[in-house]
Amino acid sequence: MAAQPVAAADQLPPGQDVSGTVIELAGWVVASNDAQGYPFAIIDKASAQVLVFGGDGRLRGAAPGLLGSAIGDHIAPGVAGLALREIPGRDRTTPAGRFIGGFGPSIDAGRVLWVDYDSAVSIHPTATGVPSERRAERLASPTPSDNRVTHGCINVAPDFYEQVVSTTFKRGGLFYILPDKASVAETFPDFARSRATADGDDGKRERHARR
């Protein structure tokens, strides 16, 4: 079951495509019922894209996102207990993997949408923050090369957050974050096994057709 085409809430830059891996992963989540009827989002770090799907598997919206300034997929031990200024540059990563998230309290930002509470990674609208970081300008740029600026959280445009993200995940959901360095097979082993099985079946069909 393929992902639905990008529709009404498309904020991606003109001409920027969604990767085949994202489309395949979305189709697998729906076909395998991996999200168990909950809404889900796929975050493609390489393209700095955030795609949000409803519990019915239909695409609700796609938009650029800001991500951790450090390239990497790890969660540094104890990072959740550090103040932002105390997080070493190398540990300002957006971790890769499958996460079950939802709204909950935070110490300094009120109620937030946690992607992964244990690593203190949330998804929230872009704020002015530090002017020199130019977060709004980075988010509006047509390329993903300047979208790595956060301490690990995922930022999206305020209107996309209010209209798509917060309404879709009001009762929680799942977040699938593609890796920077690790392989897709390491990050999503069930998905990788499904792809391998499908490739094997295609090969069998091809060999049978040649007899």
N, C-alpha and C. Protein backbone atom coordinates (compact mmCIF):
# COMPACT_ATOMS: atom_id res chain seq x y z
N MET A 1 0.85 -1.18 0.00
CA MET A 1 0.00 0.00 0.00
C MET A 1 0.89 1.23 0.00
N ALA A 2 0.84 2.02 -1.03
CA ALA A 2 1.73 3.16 -1.17
C ALA A 2 1.21 4.34 -0.37
N ALA A 3 2.13 5.25 -0.03
CA ALA A 3 1.74 6.46 0.67
C ALA A 3 0.85 7.30 -0.24
N GLN A 4 -0.05 8.03 0.37
CA GLN A 4 -0.91 8.92 -0.40
C GLN A 4 -0.07 10.07 -0.95
N PRO A 5 -0.44 10.63 -2.09
CA PRO A 5 0.31 11.76 -2.65
C PRO A 5 0.27 12.96 -1.72
N VAL A 6 1.32 13.77 -1.79
CA VAL A 6 1.32 15.01 -1.01
C VAL A 6 0.16 15.87 -1.48
N ALA A 7 -0.67 16.32 -0.53
CA ALA A 7 -1.91 17.00 -0.90
C ALA A 7 -1.98 18.40 -0.32
N ALA A 8 -3.13 18.74 0.31
CA ALA A 8 -3.45 20.11 0.68
C ALA A 8 -2.40 20.78 1.56
N ALA A 9 -1.87 20.09 2.54
CA ALA A 9 -0.95 20.74 3.48
C ALA A 9 0.50 20.56 3.05
N ASP A 10 0.77 20.73 1.77
CA ASP A 10 2.12 20.57 1.24
C ASP A 10 2.89 21.87 1.39
N GLN A 11 3.89 21.88 2.27
CA GLN A 11 4.74 23.05 2.44
C GLN A 11 6.17 22.79 1.98
N LEU A 12 6.39 21.66 1.32
CA LEU A 12 7.73 21.37 0.84
C LEU A 12 8.13 22.36 -0.25
N PRO A 13 9.43 22.68 -0.35
CA PRO A 13 9.87 23.61 -1.39
C PRO A 13 9.52 23.09 -2.78
N PRO A 14 9.18 23.96 -3.71
CA PRO A 14 8.85 23.54 -5.07
C PRO A 14 9.96 22.68 -5.68
N GLY A 15 9.56 21.56 -6.26
CA GLY A 15 10.52 20.68 -6.91
C GLY A 15 11.23 19.72 -5.98
N GLN A 16 11.00 19.81 -4.67
CA GLN A 16 11.67 18.89 -3.73
C GLN A 16 10.84 17.63 -3.60
N ASP A 17 11.42 16.50 -3.97
CA ASP A 17 10.70 15.22 -3.95
C ASP A 17 10.78 14.54 -2.60
N VAL A 18 9.85 13.63 -2.37
CA VAL A 18 9.90 12.74 -1.21
C VAL A 18 10.63 11.48 -1.64
N SER A 19 11.54 10.99 -0.82
CA SER A 19 12.37 9.86 -1.21
C SER A 19 11.57 8.57 -1.32
N GLY A 20 12.09 7.65 -2.14
CA GLY A 20 11.45 6.35 -2.28
C GLY A 20 11.41 5.58 -0.97
N THR A 21 12.44 5.76 -0.14
CA THR A 21 12.47 5.07 1.16
C THR A 21 11.32 5.54 2.04
N VAL A 22 11.06 6.83 2.05
CA VAL A 22 9.95 7.37 2.85
C VAL A 22 8.62 6.80 2.36
N ILE A 23 8.44 6.77 1.06
CA ILE A 23 7.20 6.24 0.49
C ILE A 23 7.03 4.77 0.83
N GLU A 24 8.11 4.00 0.70
CA GLU A 24 8.05 2.57 1.04
C GLU A 24 7.76 2.37 2.52
N LEU A 25 8.43 3.15 3.38
CA LEU A 25 8.24 3.00 4.82
C LEU A 25 6.80 3.33 5.21
N ALA A 26 6.26 4.40 4.64
CA ALA A 26 4.87 4.77 4.93
C ALA A 26 3.92 3.66 4.51
N GLY A 27 4.15 3.11 3.33
CA GLY A 27 3.31 2.01 2.86
C GLY A 27 3.40 0.80 3.76
N TRP A 28 4.61 0.50 4.24
CA TRP A 28 4.79 -0.65 5.13
C TRP A 28 4.10 -0.42 6.47
N VAL A 29 4.21 0.79 7.03
CA VAL A 29 3.56 1.09 8.31
C VAL A 29 2.06 0.82 8.21
N VAL A 30 1.46 1.24 7.10
CA VAL A 30 0.02 1.05 6.92
C VAL A 30 -0.31 -0.42 6.67
N ALA A 31 0.42 -1.04 5.74
CA ALA A 31 0.11 -2.43 5.35
C ALA A 31 0.33 -3.41 6.50
N SER A 32 1.35 -3.16 7.32
CA SER A 32 1.66 -4.07 8.42
C SER A 32 0.91 -3.72 9.71
N ASN A 33 0.21 -2.58 9.69
CA ASN A 33 -0.46 -2.06 10.89
C ASN A 33 0.53 -1.83 12.02
N ASP A 34 1.74 -1.41 11.67
CA ASP A 34 2.77 -1.21 12.69
C ASP A 34 2.39 -0.10 13.67
N ALA A 35 1.64 0.87 13.19
CA ALA A 35 1.21 1.97 14.07
C ALA A 35 -0.08 1.65 14.82
N GLN A 36 -0.67 0.49 14.53
CA GLN A 36 -1.87 0.02 15.23
C GLN A 36 -3.00 1.05 15.24
N GLY A 37 -3.18 1.71 14.11
CA GLY A 37 -4.28 2.65 13.99
C GLY A 37 -4.00 4.04 14.52
N TYR A 38 -2.83 4.25 15.10
CA TYR A 38 -2.48 5.58 15.59
C TYR A 38 -1.89 6.41 14.44
N PRO A 39 -1.96 7.72 14.53
CA PRO A 39 -1.29 8.56 13.54
C PRO A 39 0.22 8.38 13.64
N PHE A 40 0.92 8.73 12.58
CA PHE A 40 2.36 8.60 12.61
C PHE A 40 3.00 9.67 11.74
N ALA A 41 4.26 9.91 12.01
CA ALA A 41 5.04 10.85 11.20
C ALA A 41 6.33 10.16 10.80
N ILE A 42 6.82 10.52 9.62
CA ILE A 42 8.12 10.06 9.15
C ILE A 42 8.98 11.30 8.98
N ILE A 43 10.15 11.28 9.62
CA ILE A 43 11.08 12.39 9.54
C ILE A 43 12.30 11.92 8.76
N ASP A 44 12.52 12.54 7.61
CA ASP A 44 13.66 12.21 6.76
C ASP A 44 14.74 13.25 7.04
N LYS A 45 15.77 12.85 7.79
CA LYS A 45 16.79 13.82 8.18
C LYS A 45 17.61 14.29 6.98
N ALA A 46 17.86 13.41 6.03
CA ALA A 46 18.67 13.79 4.88
C ALA A 46 18.02 14.90 4.07
N SER A 47 16.71 14.86 3.96
CA SER A 47 15.98 15.87 3.19
C SER A 47 15.34 16.92 4.08
N ALA A 48 15.49 16.77 5.40
CA ALA A 48 14.88 17.70 6.36
C ALA A 48 13.38 17.83 6.12
N GLN A 49 12.71 16.69 5.96
CA GLN A 49 11.27 16.67 5.69
C GLN A 49 10.52 15.99 6.82
N VAL A 50 9.34 16.51 7.11
CA VAL A 50 8.44 15.92 8.10
C VAL A 50 7.12 15.62 7.41
N LEU A 51 6.75 14.35 7.37
CA LEU A 51 5.49 13.93 6.76
C LEU A 51 4.59 13.35 7.83
N VAL A 52 3.36 13.83 7.89
CA VAL A 52 2.42 13.45 8.94
C VAL A 52 1.25 12.70 8.33
N PHE A 53 0.93 11.53 8.93
CA PHE A 53 -0.14 10.67 8.45
C PHE A 53 -1.17 10.46 9.55
N GLY A 54 -2.42 10.40 9.18
CA GLY A 54 -3.47 10.11 10.14
C GLY A 54 -3.52 8.64 10.48
N GLY A 55 -4.36 8.29 11.43
CA GLY A 55 -4.52 6.90 11.81
C GLY A 55 -5.05 6.03 10.69
N ASP A 56 -5.67 6.65 9.69
CA ASP A 56 -6.17 5.92 8.53
C ASP A 56 -5.10 5.72 7.47
N GLY A 57 -3.90 6.22 7.73
CA GLY A 57 -2.80 6.05 6.79
C GLY A 57 -2.72 7.13 5.72
N ARG A 58 -3.66 8.05 5.71
CA ARG A 58 -3.65 9.11 4.69
C ARG A 58 -2.72 10.25 5.11
N LEU A 59 -2.04 10.79 4.13
CA LEU A 59 -1.13 11.89 4.39
C LEU A 59 -1.90 13.14 4.79
N ARG A 60 -1.55 13.71 5.94
CA ARG A 60 -2.17 14.95 6.40
C ARG A 60 -1.38 16.18 5.97
N GLY A 61 -0.07 16.03 5.84
CA GLY A 61 0.74 17.16 5.45
C GLY A 61 2.22 16.84 5.40
N ALA A 62 2.94 17.64 4.64
CA ALA A 62 4.39 17.48 4.51
C ALA A 62 5.02 18.86 4.55
N ALA A 63 6.11 18.98 5.29
CA ALA A 63 6.74 20.29 5.46
C ALA A 63 8.21 20.11 5.80
N PRO A 64 9.01 21.15 5.55
CA PRO A 64 10.41 21.09 5.99
C PRO A 64 10.50 21.18 7.51
N GLY A 65 11.58 20.65 8.05
CA GLY A 65 11.80 20.71 9.49
C GLY A 65 13.23 21.06 9.81
N LEU A 66 13.45 21.60 10.99
CA LEU A 66 14.79 21.84 11.50
C LEU A 66 15.15 20.70 12.44
N LEU A 67 16.42 20.29 12.41
CA LEU A 67 16.85 19.10 13.15
C LEU A 67 18.12 19.39 13.94
N GLY A 68 18.55 18.39 14.70
CA GLY A 68 19.76 18.53 15.51
C GLY A 68 20.96 18.96 14.69
N SER A 69 21.76 19.85 15.24
CA SER A 69 22.90 20.39 14.50
C SER A 69 24.00 19.35 14.27
N ALA A 70 24.06 18.32 15.10
CA ALA A 70 25.07 17.29 14.96
C ALA A 70 24.55 16.14 14.08
N ILE A 71 25.39 15.68 13.17
CA ILE A 71 25.04 14.53 12.34
C ILE A 71 25.25 13.27 13.17
N GLY A 72 24.23 12.45 13.29
CA GLY A 72 24.34 11.23 14.07
C GLY A 72 22.98 10.74 14.51
N ASP A 73 22.94 9.51 14.97
CA ASP A 73 21.68 8.86 15.31
C ASP A 73 21.60 8.44 16.76
N HIS A 74 22.64 8.72 17.52
CA HIS A 74 22.73 8.24 18.89
C HIS A 74 22.00 9.16 19.86
N ILE A 75 21.74 8.61 21.04
CA ILE A 75 21.22 9.38 22.17
C ILE A 75 22.31 9.35 23.23
N ALA A 76 22.90 10.48 23.53
CA ALA A 76 23.97 10.52 24.51
C ALA A 76 23.43 10.24 25.91
N PRO A 77 24.09 9.41 26.70
CA PRO A 77 23.64 9.13 28.06
C PRO A 77 23.53 10.42 28.88
N GLY A 78 22.40 10.59 29.56
CA GLY A 78 22.22 11.73 30.44
C GLY A 78 21.88 13.04 29.77
N VAL A 79 21.74 13.02 28.44
CA VAL A 79 21.51 14.29 27.74
C VAL A 79 20.18 14.93 28.15
N ALA A 80 19.20 14.11 28.50
CA ALA A 80 17.89 14.66 28.86
C ALA A 80 17.94 15.50 30.13
N GLY A 81 18.93 15.29 30.96
CA GLY A 81 19.03 16.03 32.21
C GLY A 81 19.86 17.29 32.12
N LEU A 82 20.37 17.61 30.94
CA LEU A 82 21.24 18.77 30.78
C LEU A 82 20.46 19.99 30.30
N ALA A 83 20.90 21.17 30.73
CA ALA A 83 20.37 22.40 30.15
C ALA A 83 20.87 22.51 28.72
N LEU A 84 20.15 23.22 27.88
CA LEU A 84 20.52 23.30 26.46
C LEU A 84 21.97 23.72 26.28
N ARG A 85 22.40 24.72 27.00
CA ARG A 85 23.77 25.24 26.83
C ARG A 85 24.82 24.23 27.27
N GLU A 86 24.41 23.23 28.05
CA GLU A 86 25.36 22.24 28.55
C GLU A 86 25.53 21.05 27.62
N ILE A 87 24.68 20.92 26.61
CA ILE A 87 24.76 19.77 25.71
C ILE A 87 25.94 19.96 24.76
N PRO A 88 26.91 19.05 24.77
CA PRO A 88 28.06 19.19 23.85
C PRO A 88 27.60 19.18 22.40
N GLY A 89 28.31 19.89 21.56
CA GLY A 89 27.93 19.99 20.16
C GLY A 89 27.76 18.64 19.49
N ARG A 90 28.63 17.68 19.82
CA ARG A 90 28.58 16.36 19.18
C ARG A 90 27.32 15.58 19.57
N ASP A 91 26.68 15.97 20.68
CA ASP A 91 25.51 15.24 21.16
C ASP A 91 24.19 15.93 20.82
N ARG A 92 24.24 16.96 20.01
CA ARG A 92 23.02 17.67 19.62
C ARG A 92 22.41 16.98 18.39
N THR A 93 22.10 15.72 18.57
CA THR A 93 21.58 14.89 17.48
C THR A 93 20.07 14.71 17.61
N THR A 94 19.45 14.47 16.48
CA THR A 94 18.07 13.99 16.46
C THR A 94 18.16 12.48 16.29
N PRO A 95 17.81 11.70 17.30
CA PRO A 95 18.02 10.25 17.22
C PRO A 95 17.14 9.61 16.16
N ALA A 96 17.65 8.51 15.61
CA ALA A 96 16.90 7.77 14.60
C ALA A 96 16.19 6.59 15.26
N GLY A 97 15.07 6.17 14.67
CA GLY A 97 14.37 5.00 15.17
C GLY A 97 12.86 5.17 15.18
N ARG A 98 12.22 4.24 15.83
CA ARG A 98 10.77 4.22 15.98
C ARG A 98 10.43 4.62 17.40
N PHE A 99 9.65 5.68 17.55
CA PHE A 99 9.34 6.22 18.86
C PHE A 99 7.83 6.37 19.05
N ILE A 100 7.37 6.07 20.24
CA ILE A 100 5.97 6.30 20.60
C ILE A 100 5.92 7.57 21.43
N GLY A 101 5.19 8.57 20.93
CA GLY A 101 5.19 9.87 21.59
C GLY A 101 3.80 10.40 21.88
N GLY A 102 3.77 11.54 22.52
CA GLY A 102 2.50 12.18 22.83
C GLY A 102 2.73 13.44 23.64
N PHE A 103 1.66 14.17 23.89
CA PHE A 103 1.75 15.40 24.65
C PHE A 103 2.00 15.12 26.13
N GLY A 104 2.80 15.98 26.72
CA GLY A 104 3.08 15.85 28.15
C GLY A 104 3.76 17.10 28.66
N PRO A 105 3.93 17.22 29.97
CA PRO A 105 4.52 18.43 30.56
C PRO A 105 6.03 18.46 30.36
N SER A 106 6.56 19.67 30.38
CA SER A 106 8.01 19.87 30.37
C SER A 106 8.35 20.87 31.47
N ILE A 107 9.61 20.93 31.84
CA ILE A 107 10.02 21.81 32.92
C ILE A 107 9.94 23.28 32.52
N ASP A 108 10.35 23.58 31.28
CA ASP A 108 10.51 24.99 30.91
C ASP A 108 9.67 25.44 29.72
N ALA A 109 8.88 24.53 29.12
CA ALA A 109 8.13 24.93 27.91
C ALA A 109 6.66 24.57 27.99
N GLY A 110 6.16 24.28 29.17
CA GLY A 110 4.76 23.91 29.30
C GLY A 110 4.47 22.54 28.71
N ARG A 111 3.32 22.40 28.11
CA ARG A 111 2.91 21.13 27.53
C ARG A 111 3.48 21.02 26.11
N VAL A 112 4.22 19.96 25.85
CA VAL A 112 4.87 19.80 24.55
C VAL A 112 4.54 18.43 23.97
N LEU A 113 4.76 18.29 22.69
CA LEU A 113 4.57 17.01 22.02
C LEU A 113 5.91 16.28 22.00
N TRP A 114 6.03 15.31 22.92
CA TRP A 114 7.26 14.54 23.01
C TRP A 114 7.33 13.50 21.90
N VAL A 115 8.44 13.49 21.20
CA VAL A 115 8.73 12.41 20.25
C VAL A 115 9.35 11.25 21.01
N ASP A 116 10.30 11.58 21.89
CA ASP A 116 10.93 10.58 22.76
C ASP A 116 11.25 11.26 24.09
N TYR A 117 10.45 10.95 25.08
CA TYR A 117 10.60 11.61 26.38
C TYR A 117 11.95 11.31 27.01
N ASP A 118 12.44 10.07 26.88
CA ASP A 118 13.69 9.68 27.53
C ASP A 118 14.90 10.47 27.05
N SER A 119 14.87 10.88 25.78
CA SER A 119 15.99 11.67 25.26
C SER A 119 15.65 13.15 25.14
N ALA A 120 14.46 13.53 25.68
CA ALA A 120 14.01 14.93 25.70
C ALA A 120 13.89 15.53 24.30
N VAL A 121 13.48 14.72 23.34
CA VAL A 121 13.28 15.20 21.97
C VAL A 121 11.79 15.42 21.74
N SER A 122 11.45 16.64 21.34
CA SER A 122 10.05 16.97 21.06
C SER A 122 9.96 17.57 19.66
N ILE A 123 8.73 17.72 19.19
CA ILE A 123 8.49 18.43 17.94
C ILE A 123 7.66 19.66 18.29
N HIS A 124 8.11 20.81 17.86
CA HIS A 124 7.41 22.04 18.24
C HIS A 124 7.59 23.11 17.18
N PRO A 125 6.77 24.17 17.22
CA PRO A 125 6.90 25.23 16.23
C PRO A 125 8.19 26.01 16.41
N THR A 126 8.69 26.51 15.31
CA THR A 126 9.90 27.32 15.36
C THR A 126 9.65 28.59 16.16
N ALA A 127 10.55 28.86 17.08
CA ALA A 127 10.46 30.09 17.88
C ALA A 127 11.62 31.01 17.48
N THR A 128 11.54 32.25 17.89
CA THR A 128 12.60 33.20 17.57
C THR A 128 13.92 32.75 18.15
N GLY A 129 13.89 32.32 19.42
CA GLY A 129 15.09 31.78 20.05
C GLY A 129 16.27 32.73 19.98
N VAL A 130 17.41 32.18 19.57
CA VAL A 130 18.62 32.97 19.42
C VAL A 130 18.62 33.58 18.02
N PRO A 131 18.55 34.90 17.91
CA PRO A 131 18.45 35.53 16.58
C PRO A 131 19.53 35.09 15.61
N SER A 132 20.74 34.85 16.11
CA SER A 132 21.84 34.48 15.21
C SER A 132 21.63 33.11 14.57
N GLU A 133 20.75 32.29 15.15
CA GLU A 133 20.49 30.97 14.56
C GLU A 133 19.61 31.05 13.33
N ARG A 134 18.87 32.14 13.17
CA ARG A 134 18.03 32.38 11.99
C ARG A 134 17.14 31.16 11.67
N ARG A 135 16.46 30.67 12.66
CA ARG A 135 15.68 29.44 12.46
C ARG A 135 14.57 29.60 11.44
N ALA A 136 13.85 30.71 11.50
CA ALA A 136 12.76 30.91 10.53
C ALA A 136 13.30 30.99 9.11
N GLU A 137 14.42 31.68 8.94
CA GLU A 137 15.02 31.79 7.62
C GLU A 137 15.52 30.45 7.11
N ARG A 138 16.12 29.66 7.99
CA ARG A 138 16.60 28.33 7.59
C ARG A 138 15.43 27.45 7.16
N LEU A 139 14.34 27.53 7.91
CA LEU A 139 13.18 26.70 7.61
C LEU A 139 12.59 27.08 6.25
N ALA A 140 12.66 28.36 5.92
CA ALA A 140 12.07 28.85 4.68
C ALA A 140 12.98 28.67 3.46
N SER A 141 14.23 28.31 3.68
CA SER A 141 15.15 28.17 2.55
C SER A 141 14.76 26.95 1.71
N PRO A 142 15.08 26.96 0.41
CA PRO A 142 14.63 25.87 -0.48
C PRO A 142 15.46 24.60 -0.40
N THR A 143 16.55 24.60 0.36
CA THR A 143 17.40 23.42 0.44
C THR A 143 17.51 22.93 1.89
N PRO A 144 17.80 21.63 2.08
CA PRO A 144 17.91 21.09 3.44
C PRO A 144 19.29 21.28 4.06
N SER A 145 20.23 21.82 3.32
CA SER A 145 21.61 21.87 3.81
C SER A 145 21.79 22.77 5.03
N ASP A 146 20.89 23.73 5.25
CA ASP A 146 21.02 24.64 6.39
C ASP A 146 19.98 24.38 7.48
N ASN A 147 19.37 23.20 7.46
CA ASN A 147 18.30 22.90 8.41
C ASN A 147 18.78 22.21 9.68
N ARG A 148 20.09 22.05 9.83
CA ARG A 148 20.62 21.40 11.02
C ARG A 148 21.07 22.49 12.00
N VAL A 149 20.23 22.80 12.99
CA VAL A 149 20.55 23.91 13.88
C VAL A 149 20.05 23.71 15.31
N THR A 150 19.17 22.76 15.56
CA THR A 150 18.58 22.62 16.89
C THR A 150 19.49 21.82 17.82
N HIS A 151 19.06 21.71 19.08
CA HIS A 151 19.80 20.90 20.05
C HIS A 151 19.37 19.43 19.98
N GLY A 152 18.50 19.11 19.05
CA GLY A 152 18.04 17.73 18.88
C GLY A 152 16.56 17.64 18.59
N CYS A 153 15.80 18.66 19.00
CA CYS A 153 14.36 18.66 18.75
C CYS A 153 14.06 18.92 17.27
N ILE A 154 12.81 18.69 16.89
CA ILE A 154 12.35 18.89 15.53
C ILE A 154 11.47 20.14 15.52
N ASN A 155 11.82 21.10 14.68
CA ASN A 155 11.05 22.34 14.55
C ASN A 155 10.32 22.36 13.22
N VAL A 156 9.09 22.83 13.22
CA VAL A 156 8.33 23.04 11.98
C VAL A 156 7.71 24.43 12.04
N ALA A 157 7.21 24.90 10.91
CA ALA A 157 6.58 26.21 10.87
C ALA A 157 5.37 26.24 11.81
N PRO A 158 5.13 27.37 12.48
CA PRO A 158 4.01 27.46 13.43
C PRO A 158 2.66 27.08 12.85
N ASP A 159 2.37 27.51 11.60
CA ASP A 159 1.07 27.18 11.03
C ASP A 159 0.94 25.69 10.74
N PHE A 160 2.04 25.06 10.32
CA PHE A 160 2.00 23.61 10.07
C PHE A 160 1.82 22.86 11.38
N TYR A 161 2.46 23.34 12.42
CA TYR A 161 2.32 22.70 13.73
C TYR A 161 0.88 22.78 14.22
N GLU A 162 0.28 23.95 14.14
CA GLU A 162 -1.07 24.14 14.65
C GLU A 162 -2.12 23.41 13.80
N GLN A 163 -1.99 23.48 12.50
CA GLN A 163 -3.01 22.94 11.61
C GLN A 163 -2.88 21.44 11.37
N VAL A 164 -1.65 20.92 11.43
CA VAL A 164 -1.43 19.51 11.08
C VAL A 164 -0.92 18.69 12.26
N VAL A 165 0.21 19.11 12.83
CA VAL A 165 0.88 18.29 13.85
C VAL A 165 0.05 18.18 15.12
N SER A 166 -0.30 19.29 15.74
CA SER A 166 -0.98 19.23 17.04
C SER A 166 -2.36 18.59 16.94
N THR A 167 -3.07 18.82 15.83
CA THR A 167 -4.40 18.22 15.70
C THR A 167 -4.31 16.72 15.42
N THR A 168 -3.30 16.30 14.67
CA THR A 168 -3.16 14.89 14.34
C THR A 168 -2.72 14.07 15.55
N PHE A 169 -1.84 14.63 16.37
CA PHE A 169 -1.26 13.86 17.48
C PHE A 169 -1.85 14.23 18.84
N LYS A 170 -3.07 14.73 18.86
CA LYS A 170 -3.64 15.15 20.14
C LYS A 170 -3.79 13.98 21.12
N ARG A 171 -3.86 12.75 20.60
CA ARG A 171 -3.91 11.57 21.47
C ARG A 171 -2.66 10.71 21.34
N GLY A 172 -1.61 11.30 20.82
CA GLY A 172 -0.35 10.58 20.69
C GLY A 172 -0.23 9.87 19.35
N GLY A 173 0.92 9.24 19.15
CA GLY A 173 1.16 8.53 17.90
C GLY A 173 2.60 8.05 17.82
N LEU A 174 3.01 7.67 16.62
CA LEU A 174 4.35 7.13 16.42
C LEU A 174 5.16 8.04 15.52
N PHE A 175 6.48 8.01 15.74
CA PHE A 175 7.42 8.81 14.96
C PHE A 175 8.53 7.90 14.44
N TYR A 176 8.71 7.91 13.14
CA TYR A 176 9.75 7.11 12.49
C TYR A 176 10.79 8.08 11.95
N ILE A 177 11.98 8.06 12.53
CA ILE A 177 13.03 9.00 12.14
C ILE A 177 14.12 8.24 11.39
N LEU A 178 14.31 8.60 10.13
CA LEU A 178 15.32 7.94 9.31
C LEU A 178 16.72 8.33 9.77
N PRO A 179 17.69 7.43 9.60
CA PRO A 179 19.03 7.67 10.14
C PRO A 179 19.91 8.57 9.26
N ASP A 180 20.93 9.16 9.91
CA ASP A 180 21.99 9.87 9.21
C ASP A 180 23.08 8.91 8.76
N LYS A 181 23.54 8.10 9.71
CA LYS A 181 24.70 7.25 9.47
C LYS A 181 24.37 5.76 9.47
N ALA A 182 23.52 5.34 10.38
CA ALA A 182 23.15 3.92 10.47
C ALA A 182 22.36 3.53 9.23
N SER A 183 22.28 2.24 8.97
CA SER A 183 21.51 1.77 7.82
C SER A 183 20.02 1.72 8.19
N VAL A 184 19.19 1.74 7.17
CA VAL A 184 17.75 1.61 7.38
C VAL A 184 17.45 0.25 8.00
N ALA A 185 18.21 -0.78 7.60
CA ALA A 185 18.01 -2.13 8.13
C ALA A 185 18.27 -2.19 9.63
N GLU A 186 19.31 -1.48 10.09
CA GLU A 186 19.60 -1.42 11.52
C GLU A 186 18.52 -0.67 12.28
N THR A 187 18.04 0.39 11.68
CA THR A 187 17.10 1.28 12.35
C THR A 187 15.69 0.72 12.40
N PHE A 188 15.26 0.09 11.29
CA PHE A 188 13.91 -0.47 11.20
C PHE A 188 14.01 -1.92 10.70
N PRO A 189 14.43 -2.85 11.54
CA PRO A 189 14.67 -4.23 11.09
C PRO A 189 13.43 -4.92 10.53
N ASP A 190 12.26 -4.69 11.11
CA ASP A 190 11.05 -5.34 10.60
C ASP A 190 10.72 -4.85 9.20
N PHE A 191 10.87 -3.57 8.98
CA PHE A 191 10.65 -3.00 7.66
C PHE A 191 11.65 -3.57 6.66
N ALA A 192 12.92 -3.68 7.07
CA ALA A 192 13.95 -4.21 6.18
C ALA A 192 13.67 -5.66 5.82
N ARG A 193 13.22 -6.45 6.79
CA ARG A 193 12.89 -7.85 6.49
C ARG A 193 11.74 -7.94 5.50
N SER A 194 10.77 -7.05 5.65
CA SER A 194 9.64 -7.04 4.73
C SER A 194 10.10 -6.71 3.32
N ARG A 195 11.02 -5.75 3.19
CA ARG A 195 11.55 -5.39 1.88
C ARG A 195 12.30 -6.56 1.26
N ALA A 196 13.10 -7.24 2.08
CA ALA A 196 13.88 -8.36 1.58
C ALA A 196 12.96 -9.48 1.09
N THR A 197 11.89 -9.74 1.85
CA THR A 197 10.94 -10.78 1.45
C THR A 197 10.27 -10.42 0.13
N ALA A 198 9.89 -9.14 0.01
CA ALA A 198 9.24 -8.69 -1.23
C ALA A 198 10.19 -8.81 -2.41
N ASP A 199 11.46 -8.45 -2.20
CA ASP A 199 12.44 -8.57 -3.28
C ASP A 199 12.65 -10.03 -3.67
N GLY A 200 12.64 -10.90 -2.65
CA GLY A 200 12.79 -12.32 -2.94
C GLY A 200 11.63 -12.88 -3.73
N ASP A 201 10.42 -12.48 -3.37
CA ASP A 201 9.23 -12.93 -4.10
C ASP A 201 9.25 -12.44 -5.54
N ASP A 202 9.71 -11.18 -5.75
CA ASP A 202 9.80 -10.65 -7.10
C ASP A 202 10.79 -11.46 -7.93
N GLY A 203 11.91 -11.84 -7.27
CA GLY A 203 12.89 -12.64 -7.98
C GLY A 203 12.35 -14.00 -8.38
N LYS A 204 11.56 -14.60 -7.48
CA LYS A 204 10.97 -15.91 -7.79
C LYS A 204 10.01 -15.81 -8.95
N ARG A 205 9.21 -14.74 -8.94
CA ARG A 205 8.27 -14.55 -10.04
C ARG A 205 9.01 -14.35 -11.35
N GLU A 206 10.12 -13.61 -11.29
CA GLU A 206 10.88 -13.35 -12.50
C GLU A 206 11.49 -14.64 -13.03
N ARG A 207 12.06 -15.45 -12.14
CA ARG A 207 12.65 -16.72 -12.59
C ARG A 207 11.60 -17.64 -13.16
N HIS A 208 10.42 -17.68 -12.54
CA HIS A 208 9.36 -18.53 -13.05
C HIS A 208 8.94 -18.09 -14.45
N ALA A 209 8.92 -16.78 -14.69
CA ALA A 209 8.49 -16.28 -15.99
C ALA A 209 9.48 -16.64 -17.08
N ARG A 210 10.72 -16.95 -16.74
CA ARG A 210 11.73 -17.24 -17.75
C ARG A 210 11.75 -18.70 -18.17
N ARG A 211 10.99 -19.55 -17.47
CA ARG A 211 11.02 -20.97 -17.81
C ARG A 211 10.32 -21.25 -19.13
